[in-house]
Amino acid sequence: MKFFEEVYEVVKRIPKGKVATYGQIAAMTGYPRRARMVGWALHANPYQGIVPCHRVVNRKGELSGGFAFGGPEVQKMLLEKEGIIFNEDGIINLEKYLWKPDKA
């Protein structure tokens, strides 16, 4: 469970109005090949409302099909409330909205 807790700590740092990818979170925990495990950790997130798992998307900017707290429709609604805009295909422009923690 140590890995899951590391994932939760990183995801808590994603600011409102930004998203991160599963692979990005995996790399930030020091395990760049564990993107799928990041998904498992977020699906098991016991800290709903504290760990903003809705801010994690796939490498293409697509929503999680298995978003644990209400499905992709809820994930999209939560992101839109934070100002994130989706294109007509329901994809997020990662060039605009990707969290870059090393940038001020």
PDB file of N, CA and C in Angstrom:
ATOM      1  N   MET A   1       0.812  -1.205   0.000  1.00  0.00           N
ATOM      2  CA  MET A   1       0.000   0.000   0.000  1.00  0.00           C
ATOM      3  C   MET A   1       0.856   1.270   0.000  1.00  0.00           C
ATOM      4  N   LYS A   2       2.140   1.149   0.251  1.00  0.00           N
ATOM      5  CA  LYS A   2       3.008   2.326   0.255  1.00  0.00           C
ATOM      6  C   LYS A   2       2.924   3.058  -1.082  1.00  0.00           C
ATOM      7  N   PHE A   3       2.922   2.311  -2.179  1.00  0.00           N
ATOM      8  CA  PHE A   3       2.826   2.936  -3.499  1.00  0.00           C
ATOM      9  C   PHE A   3       1.526   3.724  -3.632  1.00  0.00           C
ATOM     10  N   PHE A   4       0.413   3.147  -3.203  1.00  0.00           N
ATOM     11  CA  PHE A   4      -0.875   3.840  -3.290  1.00  0.00           C
ATOM     12  C   PHE A   4      -0.817   5.165  -2.533  1.00  0.00           C
ATOM     13  N   GLU A   5      -0.244   5.150  -1.339  1.00  0.00           N
ATOM     14  CA  GLU A   5      -0.151   6.380  -0.544  1.00  0.00           C
ATOM     15  C   GLU A   5       0.723   7.422  -1.243  1.00  0.00           C
ATOM     16  N   GLU A   6       1.789   6.973  -1.898  1.00  0.00           N
ATOM     17  CA  GLU A   6       2.637   7.890  -2.658  1.00  0.00           C
ATOM     18  C   GLU A   6       1.834   8.517  -3.801  1.00  0.00           C
ATOM     19  N   VAL A   7       1.022   7.712  -4.465  1.00  0.00           N
ATOM     20  CA  VAL A   7       0.161   8.214  -5.541  1.00  0.00           C
ATOM     21  C   VAL A   7      -0.775   9.287  -4.995  1.00  0.00           C
ATOM     22  N   TYR A   8      -1.410   9.020  -3.883  1.00  0.00           N
ATOM     23  CA  TYR A   8      -2.358   9.982  -3.308  1.00  0.00           C
ATOM     24  C   TYR A   8      -1.662  11.301  -2.962  1.00  0.00           C
ATOM     25  N   GLU A   9      -0.451  11.230  -2.445  1.00  0.00           N
ATOM     26  CA  GLU A   9       0.282  12.447  -2.103  1.00  0.00           C
ATOM     27  C   GLU A   9       0.587  13.279  -3.342  1.00  0.00           C
ATOM     28  N   VAL A  10       0.967  12.635  -4.446  1.00  0.00           N
ATOM     29  CA  VAL A  10       1.248  13.370  -5.682  1.00  0.00           C
ATOM     30  C   VAL A  10      -0.038  13.963  -6.246  1.00  0.00           C
ATOM     31  N   VAL A  11      -1.089  13.177  -6.294  1.00  0.00           N
ATOM     32  CA  VAL A  11      -2.347  13.640  -6.887  1.00  0.00           C
ATOM     33  C   VAL A  11      -2.931  14.808  -6.091  1.00  0.00           C
ATOM     34  N   LYS A  12      -2.731  14.841  -4.790  1.00  0.00           N
ATOM     35  CA  LYS A  12      -3.219  15.965  -3.981  1.00  0.00           C
ATOM     36  C   LYS A  12      -2.580  17.283  -4.399  1.00  0.00           C
ATOM     37  N   ARG A  13      -1.436  17.234  -5.048  1.00  0.00           N
ATOM     38  CA  ARG A  13      -0.726  18.447  -5.459  1.00  0.00           C
ATOM     39  C   ARG A  13      -1.200  19.016  -6.794  1.00  0.00           C
ATOM     40  N   ILE A  14      -2.007  18.266  -7.545  1.00  0.00           N
ATOM     41  CA  ILE A  14      -2.482  18.763  -8.845  1.00  0.00           C
ATOM     42  C   ILE A  14      -3.425  19.934  -8.588  1.00  0.00           C
ATOM     43  N   PRO A  15      -3.092  21.108  -9.122  1.00  0.00           N
ATOM     44  CA  PRO A  15      -3.951  22.273  -8.848  1.00  0.00           C
ATOM     45  C   PRO A  15      -5.274  22.230  -9.613  1.00  0.00           C
ATOM     46  N   LYS A  16      -6.257  22.946  -9.103  1.00  0.00           N
ATOM     47  CA  LYS A  16      -7.527  23.093  -9.814  1.00  0.00           C
ATOM     48  C   LYS A  16      -7.249  23.670 -11.191  1.00  0.00           C
ATOM     49  N   GLY A  17      -7.982  23.178 -12.181  1.00  0.00           N
ATOM     50  CA  GLY A  17      -7.827  23.674 -13.540  1.00  0.00           C
ATOM     51  C   GLY A  17      -6.693  23.023 -14.305  1.00  0.00           C
ATOM     52  N   LYS A  18      -6.063  22.015 -13.718  1.00  0.00           N
ATOM     53  CA  LYS A  18      -4.986  21.273 -14.380  1.00  0.00           C
ATOM     54  C   LYS A  18      -5.269  19.783 -14.269  1.00  0.00           C
ATOM     55  N   VAL A  19      -4.656  19.012 -15.160  1.00  0.00           N
ATOM     56  CA  VAL A  19      -4.753  17.562 -15.105  1.00  0.00           C
ATOM     57  C   VAL A  19      -3.355  16.974 -15.184  1.00  0.00           C
ATOM     58  N   ALA A  20      -3.240  15.720 -14.796  1.00  0.00           N
ATOM     59  CA  ALA A  20      -2.008  14.956 -14.930  1.00  0.00           C
ATOM     60  C   ALA A  20      -2.375  13.622 -15.574  1.00  0.00           C
ATOM     61  N   THR A  21      -1.389  12.953 -16.141  1.00  0.00           N
ATOM     62  CA  THR A  21      -1.641  11.639 -16.731  1.00  0.00           C
ATOM     63  C   THR A  21      -1.226  10.543 -15.745  1.00  0.00           C
ATOM     64  N   TYR A  22      -1.750   9.357 -15.973  1.00  0.00           N
ATOM     65  CA  TYR A  22      -1.382   8.217 -15.139  1.00  0.00           C
ATOM     66  C   TYR A  22       0.126   7.995 -15.187  1.00  0.00           C
ATOM     67  N   GLY A  23       0.708   8.068 -16.384  1.00  0.00           N
ATOM     68  CA  GLY A  23       2.142   7.881 -16.535  1.00  0.00           C
ATOM     69  C   GLY A  23       2.947   8.955 -15.832  1.00  0.00           C
ATOM     70  N   GLN A  24       2.470  10.168 -15.874  1.00  0.00           N
ATOM     71  CA  GLN A  24       3.133  11.280 -15.196  1.00  0.00           C
ATOM     72  C   GLN A  24       3.156  11.035 -13.693  1.00  0.00           C
ATOM     73  N   ILE A  25       2.037  10.607 -13.140  1.00  0.00           N
ATOM     74  CA  ILE A  25       1.965  10.323 -11.701  1.00  0.00           C
ATOM     75  C   ILE A  25       2.896   9.168 -11.359  1.00  0.00           C
ATOM     76  N   ALA A  26       2.905   8.133 -12.176  1.00  0.00           N
ATOM     77  CA  ALA A  26       3.801   6.996 -11.937  1.00  0.00           C
ATOM     78  C   ALA A  26       5.253   7.451 -11.915  1.00  0.00           C
ATOM     79  N   ALA A  27       5.637   8.263 -12.875  1.00  0.00           N
ATOM     80  CA  ALA A  27       7.018   8.753 -12.937  1.00  0.00           C
ATOM     81  C   ALA A  27       7.357   9.596 -11.712  1.00  0.00           C
ATOM     82  N   MET A  28       6.413  10.385 -11.262  1.00  0.00           N
ATOM     83  CA  MET A  28       6.663  11.257 -10.110  1.00  0.00           C
ATOM     84  C   MET A  28       6.810  10.470  -8.807  1.00  0.00           C
ATOM     85  N   THR A  29       6.280   9.263  -8.763  1.00  0.00           N
ATOM     86  CA  THR A  29       6.450   8.420  -7.581  1.00  0.00           C
ATOM     87  C   THR A  29       7.751   7.633  -7.656  1.00  0.00           C
ATOM     88  N   GLY A  30       8.437   7.720  -8.794  1.00  0.00           N
ATOM     89  CA  GLY A  30       9.681   6.978  -8.974  1.00  0.00           C
ATOM     90  C   GLY A  30       9.506   5.633  -9.649  1.00  0.00           C
ATOM     91  N   TYR A  31       8.294   5.345 -10.127  1.00  0.00           N
ATOM     92  CA  TYR A  31       7.997   4.076 -10.784  1.00  0.00           C
ATOM     93  C   TYR A  31       7.355   4.335 -12.145  1.00  0.00           C
ATOM     94  N   PRO A  32       8.135   4.751 -13.141  1.00  0.00           N
ATOM     95  CA  PRO A  32       7.561   5.176 -14.426  1.00  0.00           C
ATOM     96  C   PRO A  32       6.801   4.097 -15.193  1.00  0.00           C
ATOM     97  N   ARG A  33       6.968   2.856 -14.845  1.00  0.00           N
ATOM     98  CA  ARG A  33       6.262   1.775 -15.544  1.00  0.00           C
ATOM     99  C   ARG A  33       4.999   1.313 -14.812  1.00  0.00           C
ATOM    100  N   ARG A  34       4.549   2.081 -13.865  1.00  0.00           N
ATOM    101  CA  ARG A  34       3.379   1.681 -13.072  1.00  0.00           C
ATOM    102  C   ARG A  34       2.145   2.536 -13.327  1.00  0.00           C
ATOM    103  N   ALA A  35       1.968   3.010 -14.529  1.00  0.00           N
ATOM    104  CA  ALA A  35       0.795   3.837 -14.841  1.00  0.00           C
ATOM    105  C   ALA A  35      -0.505   3.086 -14.548  1.00  0.00           C
ATOM    106  N   ARG A  36      -0.552   1.824 -14.894  1.00  0.00           N
ATOM    107  CA  ARG A  36      -1.770   1.035 -14.631  1.00  0.00           C
ATOM    108  C   ARG A  36      -2.025   0.921 -13.132  1.00  0.00           C
ATOM    109  N   MET A  37      -0.968   0.781 -12.358  1.00  0.00           N
ATOM    110  CA  MET A  37      -1.139   0.700 -10.897  1.00  0.00           C
ATOM    111  C   MET A  37      -1.626   2.028 -10.323  1.00  0.00           C
ATOM    112  N   VAL A  38      -1.250   3.130 -10.964  1.00  0.00           N
ATOM    113  CA  VAL A  38      -1.784   4.427 -10.543  1.00  0.00           C
ATOM    114  C   VAL A  38      -3.304   4.397 -10.688  1.00  0.00           C
ATOM    115  N   GLY A  39      -3.781   3.860 -11.805  1.00  0.00           N
ATOM    116  CA  GLY A  39      -5.218   3.723 -12.010  1.00  0.00           C
ATOM    117  C   GLY A  39      -5.874   2.892 -10.929  1.00  0.00           C
ATOM    118  N   TRP A  40      -5.250   1.793 -10.554  1.00  0.00           N
ATOM    119  CA  TRP A  40      -5.797   0.950  -9.486  1.00  0.00           C
ATOM    120  C   TRP A  40      -5.845   1.722  -8.172  1.00  0.00           C
ATOM    121  N   ALA A  41      -4.771   2.468  -7.899  1.00  0.00           N
ATOM    122  CA  ALA A  41      -4.735   3.248  -6.654  1.00  0.00           C
ATOM    123  C   ALA A  41      -5.868   4.270  -6.625  1.00  0.00           C
ATOM    124  N   LEU A  42      -6.067   4.950  -7.746  1.00  0.00           N
ATOM    125  CA  LEU A  42      -7.116   5.969  -7.789  1.00  0.00           C
ATOM    126  C   LEU A  42      -8.504   5.352  -7.707  1.00  0.00           C
ATOM    127  N   HIS A  43      -8.662   4.175  -8.282  1.00  0.00           N
ATOM    128  CA  HIS A  43      -9.960   3.491  -8.193  1.00  0.00           C
ATOM    129  C   HIS A  43     -10.266   3.114  -6.735  1.00  0.00           C
ATOM    130  N   ALA A  44      -9.214   2.853  -5.963  1.00  0.00           N
ATOM    131  CA  ALA A  44      -9.390   2.468  -4.561  1.00  0.00           C
ATOM    132  C   ALA A  44      -9.264   3.663  -3.614  1.00  0.00           C
ATOM    133  N   ASN A  45      -9.220   4.865  -4.140  1.00  0.00           N
ATOM    134  CA  ASN A  45      -8.993   6.078  -3.357  1.00  0.00           C
ATOM    135  C   ASN A  45      -9.932   6.151  -2.146  1.00  0.00           C
ATOM    136  N   PRO A  46      -9.374   6.028  -0.937  1.00  0.00           N
ATOM    137  CA  PRO A  46     -10.227   6.112   0.252  1.00  0.00           C
ATOM    138  C   PRO A  46     -10.422   7.559   0.729  1.00  0.00           C
ATOM    139  N   TYR A  47      -9.837   8.511   0.013  1.00  0.00           N
ATOM    140  CA  TYR A  47      -9.849   9.909   0.436  1.00  0.00           C
ATOM    141  C   TYR A  47     -10.656  10.777  -0.520  1.00  0.00           C
ATOM    142  N   GLN A  48     -11.848  10.329  -0.853  1.00  0.00           N
ATOM    143  CA  GLN A  48     -12.702  11.100  -1.762  1.00  0.00           C
ATOM    144  C   GLN A  48     -12.917  12.498  -1.198  1.00  0.00           C
ATOM    145  N   GLY A  49     -12.733  13.499  -2.050  1.00  0.00           N
ATOM    146  CA  GLY A  49     -12.858  14.875  -1.620  1.00  0.00           C
ATOM    147  C   GLY A  49     -11.553  15.480  -1.146  1.00  0.00           C
ATOM    148  N   ILE A  50     -10.566  14.637  -0.892  1.00  0.00           N
ATOM    149  CA  ILE A  50      -9.239  15.098  -0.468  1.00  0.00           C
ATOM    150  C   ILE A  50      -8.220  14.860  -1.582  1.00  0.00           C
ATOM    151  N   VAL A  51      -8.265  13.673  -2.169  1.00  0.00           N
ATOM    152  CA  VAL A  51      -7.395  13.334  -3.299  1.00  0.00           C
ATOM    153  C   VAL A  51      -8.215  13.516  -4.572  1.00  0.00           C
ATOM    154  N   PRO A  52      -7.905  14.534  -5.370  1.00  0.00           N
ATOM    155  CA  PRO A  52      -8.720  14.846  -6.553  1.00  0.00           C
ATOM    156  C   PRO A  52      -8.418  13.927  -7.741  1.00  0.00           C
ATOM    157  N   CYS A  53      -8.815  12.679  -7.612  1.00  0.00           N
ATOM    158  CA  CYS A  53      -8.497  11.704  -8.656  1.00  0.00           C
ATOM    159  C   CYS A  53      -9.172  12.042  -9.988  1.00  0.00           C
ATOM    160  N   HIS A  54     -10.169  12.910  -9.981  1.00  0.00           N
ATOM    161  CA  HIS A  54     -10.810  13.311 -11.237  1.00  0.00           C
ATOM    162  C   HIS A  54      -9.859  14.104 -12.128  1.00  0.00           C
ATOM    163  N   ARG A  55      -8.753  14.583 -11.572  1.00  0.00           N
ATOM    164  CA  ARG A  55      -7.789  15.367 -12.347  1.00  0.00           C
ATOM    165  C   ARG A  55      -6.752  14.509 -13.061  1.00  0.00           C
ATOM    166  N   VAL A  56      -6.900  13.200 -13.025  1.00  0.00           N
ATOM    167  CA  VAL A  56      -5.959  12.305 -13.706  1.00  0.00           C
ATOM    168  C   VAL A  56      -6.649  11.706 -14.928  1.00  0.00           C
ATOM    169  N   VAL A  57      -5.982  11.842 -16.073  1.00  0.00           N
ATOM    170  CA  VAL A  57      -6.525  11.384 -17.360  1.00  0.00           C
ATOM    171  C   VAL A  57      -5.472  10.525 -18.060  1.00  0.00           C
ATOM    172  N   ASN A  58      -5.854   9.932 -19.183  1.00  0.00           N
ATOM    173  CA  ASN A  58      -4.862   9.132 -19.890  1.00  0.00           C
ATOM    174  C   ASN A  58      -3.932  10.007 -20.723  1.00  0.00           C
ATOM    175  N   ARG A  59      -2.958   9.395 -21.342  1.00  0.00           N
ATOM    176  CA  ARG A  59      -1.910  10.144 -22.060  1.00  0.00           C
ATOM    177  C   ARG A  59      -2.422  10.896 -23.280  1.00  0.00           C
ATOM    178  N   LYS A  60      -3.638  10.576 -23.703  1.00  0.00           N
ATOM    179  CA  LYS A  60      -4.247  11.271 -24.839  1.00  0.00           C
ATOM    180  C   LYS A  60      -5.159  12.412 -24.407  1.00  0.00           C
ATOM    181  N   GLY A  61      -5.349  12.580 -23.102  1.00  0.00           N
ATOM    182  CA  GLY A  61      -6.254  13.608 -22.595  1.00  0.00           C
ATOM    183  C   GLY A  61      -7.689  13.119 -22.495  1.00  0.00           C
ATOM    184  N   GLU A  62      -7.856  11.809 -22.510  1.00  0.00           N
ATOM    185  CA  GLU A  62      -9.200  11.227 -22.411  1.00  0.00           C
ATOM    186  C   GLU A  62      -9.526  10.907 -20.960  1.00  0.00           C
ATOM    187  N   LEU A  63     -10.802  10.893 -20.654  1.00  0.00           N
ATOM    188  CA  LEU A  63     -11.270  10.584 -19.306  1.00  0.00           C
ATOM    189  C   LEU A  63     -11.152   9.104 -19.017  1.00  0.00           C
ATOM    190  N   SER A  64     -11.190   8.800 -17.750  1.00  0.00           N
ATOM    191  CA  SER A  64     -11.137   7.415 -17.312  1.00  0.00           C
ATOM    192  C   SER A  64     -12.494   6.765 -17.509  1.00  0.00           C
ATOM    193  N   GLY A  65     -12.535   5.663 -18.211  1.00  0.00           N
ATOM    194  CA  GLY A  65     -13.787   4.936 -18.387  1.00  0.00           C
ATOM    195  C   GLY A  65     -14.296   4.358 -17.087  1.00  0.00           C
ATOM    196  N   GLY A  66     -13.392   4.137 -16.141  1.00  0.00           N
ATOM    197  CA  GLY A  66     -13.780   3.544 -14.870  1.00  0.00           C
ATOM    198  C   GLY A  66     -13.647   4.516 -13.712  1.00  0.00           C
ATOM    199  N   PHE A  67     -13.914   5.789 -13.948  1.00  0.00           N
ATOM    200  CA  PHE A  67     -13.808   6.764 -12.862  1.00  0.00           C
ATOM    201  C   PHE A  67     -14.637   6.262 -11.683  1.00  0.00           C
ATOM    202  N   ALA A  68     -13.987   6.108 -10.548  1.00  0.00           N
ATOM    203  CA  ALA A  68     -14.570   5.398  -9.408  1.00  0.00           C
ATOM    204  C   ALA A  68     -15.738   6.098  -8.739  1.00  0.00           C
ATOM    205  N   PHE A  69     -15.877   7.401  -8.918  1.00  0.00           N
ATOM    206  CA  PHE A  69     -16.882   8.115  -8.137  1.00  0.00           C
ATOM    207  C   PHE A  69     -17.997   8.681  -8.997  1.00  0.00           C
ATOM    208  N   GLY A  70     -18.534   7.853  -9.875  1.00  0.00           N
ATOM    209  CA  GLY A  70     -19.696   8.277 -10.635  1.00  0.00           C
ATOM    210  C   GLY A  70     -19.573   8.144 -12.139  1.00  0.00           C
ATOM    211  N   GLY A  71     -18.468   7.673 -12.637  1.00  0.00           N
ATOM    212  CA  GLY A  71     -18.295   7.477 -14.069  1.00  0.00           C
ATOM    213  C   GLY A  71     -17.709   8.691 -14.770  1.00  0.00           C
ATOM    214  N   PRO A  72     -17.427   8.544 -16.069  1.00  0.00           N
ATOM    215  CA  PRO A  72     -16.788   9.622 -16.821  1.00  0.00           C
ATOM    216  C   PRO A  72     -17.622  10.898 -16.902  1.00  0.00           C
ATOM    217  N   GLU A  73     -18.938  10.779 -16.819  1.00  0.00           N
ATOM    218  CA  GLU A  73     -19.777  11.977 -16.876  1.00  0.00           C
ATOM    219  C   GLU A  73     -19.528  12.871 -15.665  1.00  0.00           C
ATOM    220  N   VAL A  74     -19.371  12.245 -14.500  1.00  0.00           N
ATOM    221  CA  VAL A  74     -19.091  13.000 -13.278  1.00  0.00           C
ATOM    222  C   VAL A  74     -17.683  13.576 -13.340  1.00  0.00           C
ATOM    223  N   GLN A  75     -16.734  12.793 -13.825  1.00  0.00           N
ATOM    224  CA  GLN A  75     -15.364  13.286 -13.964  1.00  0.00           C
ATOM    225  C   GLN A  75     -15.335  14.520 -14.866  1.00  0.00           C
ATOM    226  N   LYS A  76     -16.029  14.447 -15.984  1.00  0.00           N
ATOM    227  CA  LYS A  76     -16.065  15.573 -16.918  1.00  0.00           C
ATOM    228  C   LYS A  76     -16.700  16.804 -16.261  1.00  0.00           C
ATOM    229  N   MET A  77     -17.792  16.607 -15.555  1.00  0.00           N
ATOM    230  CA  MET A  77     -18.470  17.709 -14.887  1.00  0.00           C
ATOM    231  C   MET A  77     -17.547  18.382 -13.866  1.00  0.00           C
ATOM    232  N   LEU A  78     -16.829  17.579 -13.089  1.00  0.00           N
ATOM    233  CA  LEU A  78     -15.923  18.130 -12.082  1.00  0.00           C
ATOM    234  C   LEU A  78     -14.805  18.945 -12.736  1.00  0.00           C
ATOM    235  N   LEU A  79     -14.271  18.446 -13.842  1.00  0.00           N
ATOM    236  CA  LEU A  79     -13.207  19.164 -14.537  1.00  0.00           C
ATOM    237  C   LEU A  79     -13.732  20.451 -15.182  1.00  0.00           C
ATOM    238  N   GLU A  80     -14.915  20.383 -15.752  1.00  0.00           N
ATOM    239  CA  GLU A  80     -15.505  21.589 -16.344  1.00  0.00           C
ATOM    240  C   GLU A  80     -15.749  22.664 -15.286  1.00  0.00           C
ATOM    241  N   LYS A  81     -16.146  22.250 -14.086  1.00  0.00           N
ATOM    242  CA  LYS A  81     -16.341  23.212 -12.987  1.00  0.00           C
ATOM    243  C   LYS A  81     -15.042  23.923 -12.637  1.00  0.00           C
ATOM    244  N   GLU A  82     -13.920  23.271 -12.930  1.00  0.00           N
ATOM    245  CA  GLU A  82     -12.609  23.860 -12.658  1.00  0.00           C
ATOM    246  C   GLU A  82     -12.083  24.661 -13.848  1.00  0.00           C
ATOM    247  N   GLY A  83     -12.887  24.767 -14.912  1.00  0.00           N
ATOM    248  CA  GLY A  83     -12.501  25.576 -16.058  1.00  0.00           C
ATOM    249  C   GLY A  83     -11.848  24.837 -17.200  1.00  0.00           C
ATOM    250  N   ILE A  84     -11.789  23.530 -17.119  1.00  0.00           N
ATOM    251  CA  ILE A  84     -11.186  22.750 -18.196  1.00  0.00           C
ATOM    252  C   ILE A  84     -12.203  22.587 -19.319  1.00  0.00           C
ATOM    253  N   ILE A  85     -11.746  22.849 -20.533  1.00  0.00           N
ATOM    254  CA  ILE A  85     -12.605  22.774 -21.718  1.00  0.00           C
ATOM    255  C   ILE A  85     -12.234  21.536 -22.519  1.00  0.00           C
ATOM    256  N   PHE A  86     -13.245  20.832 -22.977  1.00  0.00           N
ATOM    257  CA  PHE A  86     -13.062  19.626 -23.791  1.00  0.00           C
ATOM    258  C   PHE A  86     -13.327  19.962 -25.247  1.00  0.00           C
ATOM    259  N   ASN A  87     -12.633  19.274 -26.154  1.00  0.00           N
ATOM    260  CA  ASN A  87     -12.943  19.476 -27.572  1.00  0.00           C
ATOM    261  C   ASN A  87     -14.197  18.691 -27.928  1.00  0.00           C
ATOM    262  N   GLU A  88     -14.606  18.766 -29.187  1.00  0.00           N
ATOM    263  CA  GLU A  88     -15.859  18.122 -29.610  1.00  0.00           C
ATOM    264  C   GLU A  88     -15.826  16.603 -29.465  1.00  0.00           C
ATOM    265  N   ASP A  89     -14.623  16.026 -29.356  1.00  0.00           N
ATOM    266  CA  ASP A  89     -14.499  14.583 -29.163  1.00  0.00           C
ATOM    267  C   ASP A  89     -14.405  14.200 -27.685  1.00  0.00           C
ATOM    268  N   GLY A  90     -14.532  15.187 -26.806  1.00  0.00           N
ATOM    269  CA  GLY A  90     -14.466  14.922 -25.377  1.00  0.00           C
ATOM    270  C   GLY A  90     -13.054  14.750 -24.844  1.00  0.00           C
ATOM    271  N   ILE A  91     -12.078  15.342 -25.529  1.00  0.00           N
ATOM    272  CA  ILE A  91     -10.676  15.208 -25.148  1.00  0.00           C
ATOM    273  C   ILE A  91     -10.156  16.552 -24.640  1.00  0.00           C
ATOM    274  N   ILE A  92      -9.276  16.482 -23.672  1.00  0.00           N
ATOM    275  CA  ILE A  92      -8.663  17.675 -23.074  1.00  0.00           C
ATOM    276  C   ILE A  92      -7.383  18.010 -23.835  1.00  0.00           C
ATOM    277  N   ASN A  93      -7.164  19.274 -24.093  1.00  0.00           N
ATOM    278  CA  ASN A  93      -5.924  19.745 -24.723  1.00  0.00           C
ATOM    279  C   ASN A  93      -4.825  19.728 -23.663  1.00  0.00           C
ATOM    280  N   LEU A  94      -3.963  18.702 -23.727  1.00  0.00           N
ATOM    281  CA  LEU A  94      -2.921  18.578 -22.712  1.00  0.00           C
ATOM    282  C   LEU A  94      -1.864  19.669 -22.814  1.00  0.00           C
ATOM    283  N   GLU A  95      -1.681  20.235 -23.983  1.00  0.00           N
ATOM    284  CA  GLU A  95      -0.723  21.337 -24.091  1.00  0.00           C
ATOM    285  C   GLU A  95      -1.162  22.515 -23.224  1.00  0.00           C
ATOM    286  N   LYS A  96      -2.449  22.666 -23.071  1.00  0.00           N
ATOM    287  CA  LYS A  96      -2.984  23.789 -22.292  1.00  0.00           C
ATOM    288  C   LYS A  96      -3.196  23.443 -20.815  1.00  0.00           C
ATOM    289  N   TYR A  97      -3.676  22.240 -20.530  1.00  0.00           N
ATOM    290  CA  TYR A  97      -4.124  21.916 -19.183  1.00  0.00           C
ATOM    291  C   TYR A  97      -3.235  20.957 -18.395  1.00  0.00           C
ATOM    292  N   LEU A  98      -2.164  20.438 -19.013  1.00  0.00           N
ATOM    293  CA  LEU A  98      -1.317  19.484 -18.290  1.00  0.00           C
ATOM    294  C   LEU A  98      -0.546  20.191 -17.187  1.00  0.00           C
ATOM    295  N   TRP A  99      -0.594  19.615 -16.007  1.00  0.00           N
ATOM    296  CA  TRP A  99       0.132  20.116 -14.844  1.00  0.00           C
ATOM    297  C   TRP A  99       1.631  19.947 -15.072  1.00  0.00           C
ATOM    298  N   LYS A 100       2.357  21.013 -14.850  1.00  0.00           N
ATOM    299  CA  LYS A 100       3.818  20.981 -14.986  1.00  0.00           C
ATOM    300  C   LYS A 100       4.395  21.425 -13.642  1.00  0.00           C
ATOM    301  N   PRO A 101       4.567  20.472 -12.719  1.00  0.00           N
ATOM    302  CA  PRO A 101       4.958  20.829 -11.350  1.00  0.00           C
ATOM    303  C   PRO A 101       6.319  21.499 -11.241  1.00  0.00           C
ATOM    304  N   ASP A 102       7.186  21.330 -12.215  1.00  0.00           N
ATOM    305  CA  ASP A 102       8.504  21.954 -12.133  1.00  0.00           C
ATOM    306  C   ASP A 102       8.486  23.401 -12.610  1.00  0.00           C
ATOM    307  N   LYS A 103       7.348  23.855 -13.120  1.00  0.00           N
ATOM    308  CA  LYS A 103       7.188  25.238 -13.570  1.00  0.00           C
ATOM    309  C   LYS A 103       6.468  26.027 -12.483  1.00  0.00           C
ATOM    310  N   ALA A 104       6.829  27.267 -12.333  1.00  0.00           N
ATOM    311  CA  ALA A 104       6.175  28.112 -11.314  1.00  0.00           C
ATOM    312  C   ALA A 104       4.791  28.516 -11.724  1.00  0.00           C
TER     313      ALA A 104
END
